[in-house]
Structure formats: structure tokens, C-alpha cells
Amino acid sequence: MRVWVALGMVASLACISAAEAPWQWQTYHGVRVDSDPMLTARFDRALRYCEPEAYRRGSSNPNSLLYVTALRSCMSRLNIIDRGSYSYVANNYFYHFLDR
């Protein structure tokens, strides 16, 4: 039973991105958030707005999948999204799978 719990913890950590890192976010137009100081300020305001909502709608634990999902949902409503294959670690292996 402890092995399954340990494997579950490792799998959950492998699928959750560091949601607060600005270099992992971009606008809908594909511009990285950390490329412009005005976009970085907009990202900081959006993050301050979305963190309490993710706490209420998701989970009180900022490392849980429900919290990160609620945070991403709120950020996408404010036109800031994850950067594709960088949003989940597991996606790096399958990023160009359909291109082959």
C-alpha cells in the first residue's frame, strides 16, 4: 500500500507544472509573459486575482492538481495560458508525436 501511495505522489508531481513561473506562461497570441515588463506586470496582477479563486474553487493546498487546474482556468479567462508542452512534464515526450 505504501508503494502505491509513493507512486501516486511521484506521478502527481510529474504532471503538475510550477504554475507561478512566468516563463511557463504566454498570451493567446503566443508572446511569452516574461518577454515584456508590461506583460509581466499584467501576469502578476492576474496571478494575484486568480490565487484566491483557485483557493476557493480548487483546494487550499497550492501543490494539488485541483488548485493548479482552477488557477489555469482563471488565468486562461484573463488571456494567459500555459506554454504547450511545458505545461506538463509528461507532455514533453509526446509533443511532436503526431508529426511523425
C-alpha atoms as a PDB file:
ATOM      1  CA  MET A   1       0.000   0.000   0.000  1.00  0.00           C
ATOM      2  CA  ARG A   2       2.828   2.398   0.788  1.00  0.00           C
ATOM      3  CA  VAL A   3       4.389   1.703  -2.584  1.00  0.00           C
ATOM      4  CA  TRP A   4       1.158   2.714  -4.339  1.00  0.00           C
ATOM      5  CA  VAL A   5       0.963   5.896  -2.295  1.00  0.00           C
ATOM      6  CA  ALA A   6       4.575   6.723  -3.162  1.00  0.00           C
ATOM      7  CA  LEU A   7       3.974   6.039  -6.864  1.00  0.00           C
ATOM      8  CA  GLY A   8       0.845   8.180  -6.783  1.00  0.00           C
ATOM      9  CA  MET A   9       2.754  11.049  -5.214  1.00  0.00           C
ATOM     10  CA  VAL A  10       5.527  10.824  -7.806  1.00  0.00           C
ATOM     11  CA  ALA A  11       3.006  10.689 -10.667  1.00  0.00           C
ATOM     12  CA  SER A  12       1.097  13.688  -9.353  1.00  0.00           C
ATOM     13  CA  LEU A  13       4.276  15.743  -9.046  1.00  0.00           C
ATOM     14  CA  ALA A  14       5.307  14.785 -12.583  1.00  0.00           C
ATOM     15  CA  CYS A  15       2.036  16.106 -14.022  1.00  0.00           C
ATOM     16  CA  ILE A  16       1.828  19.448 -12.228  1.00  0.00           C
ATOM     17  CA  SER A  17       3.772  22.384 -13.574  1.00  0.00           C
ATOM     18  CA  ALA A  18       5.231  25.157 -11.491  1.00  0.00           C
ATOM     19  CA  ALA A  19       2.244  27.350 -12.156  1.00  0.00           C
ATOM     20  CA  GLU A  20       3.746  30.586 -10.858  1.00  0.00           C
ATOM     21  CA  ALA A  21       6.861  30.627 -13.053  1.00  0.00           C
ATOM     22  CA  PRO A  22       6.342  33.469 -15.591  1.00  0.00           C
ATOM     23  CA  TRP A  23       8.490  31.847 -18.286  1.00  0.00           C
ATOM     24  CA  GLN A  24       5.998  28.959 -18.497  1.00  0.00           C
ATOM     25  CA  TRP A  25       3.087  31.233 -19.445  1.00  0.00           C
ATOM     26  CA  GLN A  26       2.181  33.031 -22.672  1.00  0.00           C
ATOM     27  CA  THR A  27      -0.648  35.121 -24.061  1.00  0.00           C
ATOM     28  CA  TYR A  28      -3.176  33.745 -26.538  1.00  0.00           C
ATOM     29  CA  HIS A  29      -1.079  35.276 -29.294  1.00  0.00           C
ATOM     30  CA  GLY A  30       1.987  33.234 -28.335  1.00  0.00           C
ATOM     31  CA  VAL A  31       4.009  36.021 -26.693  1.00  0.00           C
ATOM     32  CA  ARG A  32       5.901  34.848 -23.635  1.00  0.00           C
ATOM     33  CA  VAL A  33       4.908  36.664 -20.458  1.00  0.00           C
ATOM     34  CA  ASP A  34       8.492  37.280 -19.348  1.00  0.00           C
ATOM     35  CA  SER A  35       9.453  38.923 -22.661  1.00  0.00           C
ATOM     36  CA  ASP A  36       7.930  42.320 -21.832  1.00  0.00           C
ATOM     37  CA  PRO A  37       7.770  44.195 -18.498  1.00  0.00           C
ATOM     38  CA  MET A  38       4.170  45.237 -19.161  1.00  0.00           C
ATOM     39  CA  LEU A  39       3.151  41.619 -19.749  1.00  0.00           C
ATOM     40  CA  THR A  40       4.969  40.589 -16.591  1.00  0.00           C
ATOM     41  CA  ALA A  41       3.048  43.214 -14.624  1.00  0.00           C
ATOM     42  CA  ARG A  42      -0.207  42.000 -16.194  1.00  0.00           C
ATOM     43  CA  PHE A  43       0.733  38.421 -15.270  1.00  0.00           C
ATOM     44  CA  ASP A  44       1.418  39.460 -11.661  1.00  0.00           C
ATOM     45  CA  ARG A  45      -1.966  41.202 -11.412  1.00  0.00           C
ATOM     46  CA  ALA A  46      -3.737  38.207 -12.929  1.00  0.00           C
ATOM     47  CA  LEU A  47      -1.947  35.838 -10.557  1.00  0.00           C
ATOM     48  CA  ARG A  48      -2.922  37.956  -7.531  1.00  0.00           C
ATOM     49  CA  TYR A  49      -6.517  37.894  -8.768  1.00  0.00           C
ATOM     50  CA  CYS A  50      -6.603  34.165  -9.560  1.00  0.00           C
ATOM     51  CA  GLU A  51      -4.851  32.730  -6.498  1.00  0.00           C
ATOM     52  CA  PRO A  52      -7.774  33.393  -4.102  1.00  0.00           C
ATOM     53  CA  GLU A  53     -10.206  31.987  -6.656  1.00  0.00           C
ATOM     54  CA  ALA A  54      -8.095  28.843  -7.061  1.00  0.00           C
ATOM     55  CA  TYR A  55      -8.008  28.566  -3.276  1.00  0.00           C
ATOM     56  CA  ARG A  56     -11.829  28.716  -3.114  1.00  0.00           C
ATOM     57  CA  ARG A  57     -12.705  26.675  -6.210  1.00  0.00           C
ATOM     58  CA  GLY A  58      -9.822  24.222  -6.190  1.00  0.00           C
ATOM     59  CA  SER A  59      -8.036  23.356  -2.992  1.00  0.00           C
ATOM     60  CA  SER A  60      -6.300  25.062  -0.118  1.00  0.00           C
ATOM     61  CA  ASN A  61      -3.118  23.148  -0.985  1.00  0.00           C
ATOM     62  CA  PRO A  62      -1.276  25.043  -3.760  1.00  0.00           C
ATOM     63  CA  ASN A  63       0.508  21.843  -4.833  1.00  0.00           C
ATOM     64  CA  SER A  64      -2.682  19.891  -5.532  1.00  0.00           C
ATOM     65  CA  LEU A  65      -3.979  19.214  -9.012  1.00  0.00           C
ATOM     66  CA  LEU A  66      -7.344  20.833  -8.232  1.00  0.00           C
ATOM     67  CA  TYR A  67      -5.660  24.097  -7.217  1.00  0.00           C
ATOM     68  CA  VAL A  68      -3.460  24.200 -10.328  1.00  0.00           C
ATOM     69  CA  THR A  69      -6.412  23.364 -12.579  1.00  0.00           C
ATOM     70  CA  ALA A  70      -8.527  26.142 -11.051  1.00  0.00           C
ATOM     71  CA  LEU A  71      -5.582  28.552 -11.367  1.00  0.00           C
ATOM     72  CA  ARG A  72      -5.085  27.685 -15.043  1.00  0.00           C
ATOM     73  CA  SER A  73      -8.797  28.091 -15.692  1.00  0.00           C
ATOM     74  CA  CYS A  74      -8.834  31.559 -14.160  1.00  0.00           C
ATOM     75  CA  MET A  75      -5.626  32.606 -15.920  1.00  0.00           C
ATOM     76  CA  SER A  76      -6.943  31.447 -19.289  1.00  0.00           C
ATOM     77  CA  ARG A  77     -10.030  33.618 -18.803  1.00  0.00           C
ATOM     78  CA  LEU A  78      -7.602  36.534 -18.429  1.00  0.00           C
ATOM     79  CA  ASN A  79      -5.835  35.588 -21.718  1.00  0.00           C
ATOM     80  CA  ILE A  80      -2.771  33.990 -20.137  1.00  0.00           C
ATOM     81  CA  ILE A  81      -2.188  30.296 -20.849  1.00  0.00           C
ATOM     82  CA  ASP A  82       0.478  27.638 -20.330  1.00  0.00           C
ATOM     83  CA  ARG A  83       3.139  27.174 -22.983  1.00  0.00           C
ATOM     84  CA  GLY A  84       2.018  23.933 -24.642  1.00  0.00           C
ATOM     85  CA  SER A  85       4.450  21.107 -23.983  1.00  0.00           C
ATOM     86  CA  TYR A  86       5.881  22.951 -20.998  1.00  0.00           C
ATOM     87  CA  SER A  87       2.576  22.905 -19.123  1.00  0.00           C
ATOM     88  CA  TYR A  88       3.025  19.275 -18.075  1.00  0.00           C
ATOM     89  CA  VAL A  89       6.307  17.449 -17.788  1.00  0.00           C
ATOM     90  CA  ALA A  90       4.757  14.312 -19.292  1.00  0.00           C
ATOM     91  CA  ASN A  91       3.829  16.206 -22.490  1.00  0.00           C
ATOM     92  CA  ASN A  92       7.493  16.716 -23.426  1.00  0.00           C
ATOM     93  CA  TYR A  93       7.693  13.090 -24.550  1.00  0.00           C
ATOM     94  CA  PHE A  94       4.613  13.325 -26.789  1.00  0.00           C
ATOM     95  CA  TYR A  95       4.959  16.903 -28.072  1.00  0.00           C
ATOM     96  CA  HIS A  96       5.739  16.005 -31.712  1.00  0.00           C
ATOM     97  CA  PHE A  97       4.242  12.516 -31.653  1.00  0.00           C
ATOM     98  CA  LEU A  98       1.600  13.263 -34.295  1.00  0.00           C
ATOM     99  CA  ASP A  99       4.134  14.999 -36.563  1.00  0.00           C
ATOM    100  CA  ARG A 100       5.943  11.743 -37.258  1.00  0.00           C
END
